[in-house]
Amino acid sequence: MRGLGLPPRALVHRVEEAWKAVADPAWAARTRIVALQHGTLLVGVASAPLRDELARFHAERLLEAMRARLTKDPLVALRFVAAAEEPR
């Protein structure tokens, strides 16, 4: 799996659990982890207004909260994308 560029299952599980812990219940159900690419966590968001709000007002706080939970995994950025957008 690693040869295909896919992260180990354990990492995927840690990232998903960390996101569940830091995501606000008011909007958590409208987001999902899409990918982790070169330290950038792609988070799919169901609506453009919510995507903009998260990127503008919450990204820094969420990134720091994720880093605190994923101390062994290098996380350098969050990127909010349309939920249907596939990673490039």
N, C-alpha and C. Protein backbone atom coordinates (compact mmCIF):
# COMPACT_ATOMS: atom_id res chain seq x y z
N MET A 1 0.82 -1.20 0.00
CA MET A 1 0.00 0.00 0.00
C MET A 1 0.87 1.26 0.00
N ARG A 2 1.95 1.25 0.79
CA ARG A 2 2.81 2.43 0.84
C ARG A 2 3.41 2.72 -0.53
N GLY A 3 3.73 1.66 -1.28
CA GLY A 3 4.28 1.84 -2.62
C GLY A 3 3.32 2.55 -3.55
N LEU A 4 2.04 2.48 -3.26
CA LEU A 4 1.03 3.16 -4.06
C LEU A 4 0.80 4.59 -3.60
N GLY A 5 1.50 5.00 -2.55
CA GLY A 5 1.33 6.35 -2.04
C GLY A 5 0.20 6.50 -1.03
N LEU A 6 -0.36 5.38 -0.60
CA LEU A 6 -1.44 5.42 0.37
C LEU A 6 -0.87 5.40 1.78
N PRO A 7 -1.43 6.21 2.68
CA PRO A 7 -0.93 6.21 4.06
C PRO A 7 -1.33 4.92 4.78
N PRO A 8 -0.57 4.54 5.78
CA PRO A 8 -0.93 3.35 6.57
C PRO A 8 -2.29 3.53 7.25
N ARG A 9 -3.00 2.43 7.41
CA ARG A 9 -4.33 2.48 8.04
C ARG A 9 -4.28 3.12 9.42
N ALA A 10 -3.23 2.84 10.17
CA ALA A 10 -3.13 3.40 11.52
C ALA A 10 -3.09 4.92 11.47
N LEU A 11 -2.39 5.48 10.50
CA LEU A 11 -2.33 6.93 10.36
C LEU A 11 -3.70 7.49 9.98
N VAL A 12 -4.36 6.84 9.05
CA VAL A 12 -5.70 7.28 8.64
C VAL A 12 -6.63 7.29 9.85
N HIS A 13 -6.57 6.25 10.64
CA HIS A 13 -7.42 6.16 11.84
C HIS A 13 -7.09 7.28 12.83
N ARG A 14 -5.79 7.53 13.07
CA ARG A 14 -5.40 8.60 14.00
C ARG A 14 -5.90 9.96 13.53
N VAL A 15 -5.77 10.21 12.24
CA VAL A 15 -6.20 11.50 11.70
C VAL A 15 -7.72 11.64 11.81
N GLU A 16 -8.45 10.61 11.46
CA GLU A 16 -9.92 10.68 11.56
C GLU A 16 -10.38 10.87 13.00
N GLU A 17 -9.76 10.17 13.94
CA GLU A 17 -10.13 10.32 15.35
C GLU A 17 -9.79 11.71 15.86
N ALA A 18 -8.64 12.24 15.46
CA ALA A 18 -8.25 13.59 15.88
C ALA A 18 -9.24 14.61 15.32
N TRP A 19 -9.65 14.44 14.06
CA TRP A 19 -10.60 15.39 13.47
C TRP A 19 -11.92 15.35 14.20
N LYS A 20 -12.40 14.17 14.53
CA LYS A 20 -13.66 14.05 15.28
C LYS A 20 -13.56 14.78 16.61
N ALA A 21 -12.40 14.73 17.23
CA ALA A 21 -12.22 15.36 18.54
C ALA A 21 -12.16 16.88 18.46
N VAL A 22 -11.62 17.43 17.37
CA VAL A 22 -11.46 18.89 17.30
C VAL A 22 -12.57 19.58 16.53
N ALA A 23 -13.31 18.84 15.71
CA ALA A 23 -14.37 19.44 14.90
C ALA A 23 -15.55 19.84 15.79
N ASP A 24 -16.09 21.00 15.52
CA ASP A 24 -17.25 21.50 16.25
C ASP A 24 -18.48 20.66 15.88
N PRO A 25 -19.24 20.19 16.86
CA PRO A 25 -20.42 19.38 16.55
C PRO A 25 -21.43 20.09 15.64
N ALA A 26 -21.42 21.41 15.62
CA ALA A 26 -22.35 22.16 14.78
C ALA A 26 -22.09 21.93 13.29
N TRP A 27 -20.85 21.62 12.92
CA TRP A 27 -20.55 21.43 11.50
C TRP A 27 -19.78 20.14 11.19
N ALA A 28 -19.46 19.38 12.18
CA ALA A 28 -18.64 18.17 11.97
C ALA A 28 -19.27 17.20 10.97
N ALA A 29 -20.58 17.04 11.02
CA ALA A 29 -21.24 16.09 10.12
C ALA A 29 -21.18 16.53 8.66
N ARG A 30 -20.82 17.79 8.42
CA ARG A 30 -20.74 18.29 7.04
C ARG A 30 -19.31 18.34 6.54
N THR A 31 -18.40 17.65 7.24
CA THR A 31 -17.01 17.58 6.82
C THR A 31 -16.54 16.13 6.83
N ARG A 32 -15.47 15.88 6.08
CA ARG A 32 -14.85 14.55 6.11
C ARG A 32 -13.40 14.68 5.67
N ILE A 33 -12.57 13.82 6.19
CA ILE A 33 -11.17 13.79 5.79
C ILE A 33 -11.11 13.21 4.38
N VAL A 34 -10.42 13.91 3.49
CA VAL A 34 -10.29 13.45 2.11
C VAL A 34 -8.94 12.79 1.90
N ALA A 35 -7.87 13.45 2.36
CA ALA A 35 -6.52 12.91 2.14
C ALA A 35 -5.53 13.62 3.03
N LEU A 36 -4.38 13.01 3.15
CA LEU A 36 -3.23 13.62 3.80
C LEU A 36 -2.09 13.52 2.79
N GLN A 37 -1.69 14.68 2.25
CA GLN A 37 -0.69 14.72 1.19
C GLN A 37 0.46 15.61 1.59
N HIS A 38 1.63 15.01 1.76
CA HIS A 38 2.84 15.77 2.06
C HIS A 38 2.64 16.72 3.24
N GLY A 39 1.93 16.25 4.27
CA GLY A 39 1.73 17.04 5.47
C GLY A 39 0.53 17.97 5.43
N THR A 40 -0.18 18.02 4.31
CA THR A 40 -1.37 18.86 4.20
C THR A 40 -2.61 17.98 4.31
N LEU A 41 -3.45 18.29 5.28
CA LEU A 41 -4.67 17.55 5.49
C LEU A 41 -5.78 18.19 4.66
N LEU A 42 -6.35 17.42 3.73
CA LEU A 42 -7.47 17.90 2.92
C LEU A 42 -8.75 17.49 3.60
N VAL A 43 -9.59 18.48 3.88
CA VAL A 43 -10.86 18.24 4.55
C VAL A 43 -11.97 18.63 3.59
N GLY A 44 -12.80 17.67 3.23
CA GLY A 44 -13.94 17.94 2.36
C GLY A 44 -15.05 18.59 3.17
N VAL A 45 -15.64 19.62 2.59
CA VAL A 45 -16.70 20.38 3.27
C VAL A 45 -17.91 20.43 2.35
N ALA A 46 -19.09 20.20 2.91
CA ALA A 46 -20.31 20.05 2.12
C ALA A 46 -20.82 21.32 1.48
N SER A 47 -20.46 22.49 2.00
CA SER A 47 -20.99 23.72 1.41
C SER A 47 -19.89 24.78 1.30
N ALA A 48 -20.02 25.60 0.28
CA ALA A 48 -19.02 26.66 0.05
C ALA A 48 -18.99 27.67 1.21
N PRO A 49 -20.14 28.10 1.74
CA PRO A 49 -20.06 29.05 2.86
C PRO A 49 -19.34 28.48 4.08
N LEU A 50 -19.60 27.22 4.40
CA LEU A 50 -18.91 26.60 5.53
C LEU A 50 -17.43 26.44 5.22
N ARG A 51 -17.11 26.04 4.00
CA ARG A 51 -15.71 25.90 3.60
C ARG A 51 -14.97 27.22 3.77
N ASP A 52 -15.57 28.32 3.34
CA ASP A 52 -14.96 29.63 3.49
C ASP A 52 -14.80 30.03 4.95
N GLU A 53 -15.83 29.75 5.76
CA GLU A 53 -15.75 30.08 7.19
C GLU A 53 -14.62 29.32 7.87
N LEU A 54 -14.53 28.03 7.58
CA LEU A 54 -13.47 27.23 8.20
C LEU A 54 -12.09 27.73 7.77
N ALA A 55 -11.93 28.02 6.49
CA ALA A 55 -10.63 28.48 5.98
C ALA A 55 -10.25 29.84 6.55
N ARG A 56 -11.20 30.74 6.65
CA ARG A 56 -10.91 32.11 7.10
C ARG A 56 -10.77 32.25 8.60
N PHE A 57 -11.65 31.61 9.33
CA PHE A 57 -11.74 31.89 10.77
C PHE A 57 -11.30 30.77 11.70
N HIS A 58 -11.20 29.55 11.20
CA HIS A 58 -10.93 28.43 12.10
C HIS A 58 -9.69 27.61 11.74
N ALA A 59 -9.12 27.83 10.57
CA ALA A 59 -8.03 26.98 10.09
C ALA A 59 -6.84 26.94 11.05
N GLU A 60 -6.41 28.08 11.51
CA GLU A 60 -5.23 28.12 12.38
C GLU A 60 -5.47 27.37 13.68
N ARG A 61 -6.61 27.61 14.30
CA ARG A 61 -6.95 26.93 15.55
C ARG A 61 -7.07 25.43 15.34
N LEU A 62 -7.73 25.03 14.25
CA LEU A 62 -7.90 23.61 13.97
C LEU A 62 -6.56 22.94 13.67
N LEU A 63 -5.70 23.63 12.94
CA LEU A 63 -4.38 23.08 12.65
C LEU A 63 -3.59 22.85 13.93
N GLU A 64 -3.60 23.82 14.82
CA GLU A 64 -2.88 23.66 16.09
C GLU A 64 -3.47 22.54 16.93
N ALA A 65 -4.79 22.42 16.95
CA ALA A 65 -5.43 21.35 17.72
C ALA A 65 -5.09 19.98 17.13
N MET A 66 -5.06 19.90 15.80
CA MET A 66 -4.69 18.64 15.15
C MET A 66 -3.23 18.30 15.42
N ARG A 67 -2.36 19.29 15.35
CA ARG A 67 -0.94 19.06 15.64
C ARG A 67 -0.74 18.55 17.06
N ALA A 68 -1.50 19.10 18.00
CA ALA A 68 -1.38 18.68 19.40
C ALA A 68 -1.78 17.22 19.57
N ARG A 69 -2.73 16.76 18.78
CA ARG A 69 -3.19 15.37 18.87
C ARG A 69 -2.35 14.41 18.04
N LEU A 70 -1.70 14.93 17.01
CA LEU A 70 -0.92 14.08 16.09
C LEU A 70 0.56 14.42 16.19
N THR A 71 1.10 14.33 17.37
CA THR A 71 2.47 14.76 17.61
C THR A 71 3.50 13.94 16.84
N LYS A 72 3.19 12.71 16.49
CA LYS A 72 4.14 11.86 15.76
C LYS A 72 4.00 11.99 14.24
N ASP A 73 2.97 12.67 13.80
CA ASP A 73 2.69 12.79 12.37
C ASP A 73 2.85 14.24 11.94
N PRO A 74 3.75 14.51 10.99
CA PRO A 74 3.99 15.89 10.57
C PRO A 74 2.78 16.46 9.83
N LEU A 75 2.16 17.45 10.41
CA LEU A 75 1.02 18.12 9.79
C LEU A 75 1.39 19.57 9.63
N VAL A 76 1.45 20.05 8.41
CA VAL A 76 1.92 21.41 8.16
C VAL A 76 0.81 22.36 7.75
N ALA A 77 -0.31 21.83 7.23
CA ALA A 77 -1.38 22.72 6.76
C ALA A 77 -2.70 21.97 6.69
N LEU A 78 -3.77 22.76 6.72
CA LEU A 78 -5.12 22.26 6.45
C LEU A 78 -5.59 22.93 5.17
N ARG A 79 -6.26 22.18 4.35
CA ARG A 79 -6.86 22.74 3.14
C ARG A 79 -8.29 22.26 3.06
N PHE A 80 -9.22 23.18 2.98
CA PHE A 80 -10.63 22.85 2.91
C PHE A 80 -11.06 22.85 1.45
N VAL A 81 -11.68 21.76 1.03
CA VAL A 81 -12.06 21.58 -0.37
C VAL A 81 -13.53 21.20 -0.44
N ALA A 82 -14.10 21.33 -1.64
CA ALA A 82 -15.48 20.88 -1.84
C ALA A 82 -15.53 19.38 -1.54
N ALA A 83 -16.56 18.93 -0.88
CA ALA A 83 -16.64 17.53 -0.45
C ALA A 83 -16.49 16.57 -1.61
N ALA A 84 -16.91 16.95 -2.80
CA ALA A 84 -16.81 16.05 -3.96
C ALA A 84 -15.46 16.15 -4.65
N GLU A 85 -14.62 17.13 -4.26
CA GLU A 85 -13.34 17.33 -4.92
C GLU A 85 -12.37 16.22 -4.53
N GLU A 86 -11.74 15.66 -5.51
CA GLU A 86 -10.75 14.62 -5.28
C GLU A 86 -9.38 15.24 -5.10
N PRO A 87 -8.52 14.61 -4.31
CA PRO A 87 -7.17 15.15 -4.14
C PRO A 87 -6.40 15.08 -5.45
N ARG A 88 -5.51 16.06 -5.65
CA ARG A 88 -4.69 16.11 -6.86
C ARG A 88 -3.31 15.62 -6.58
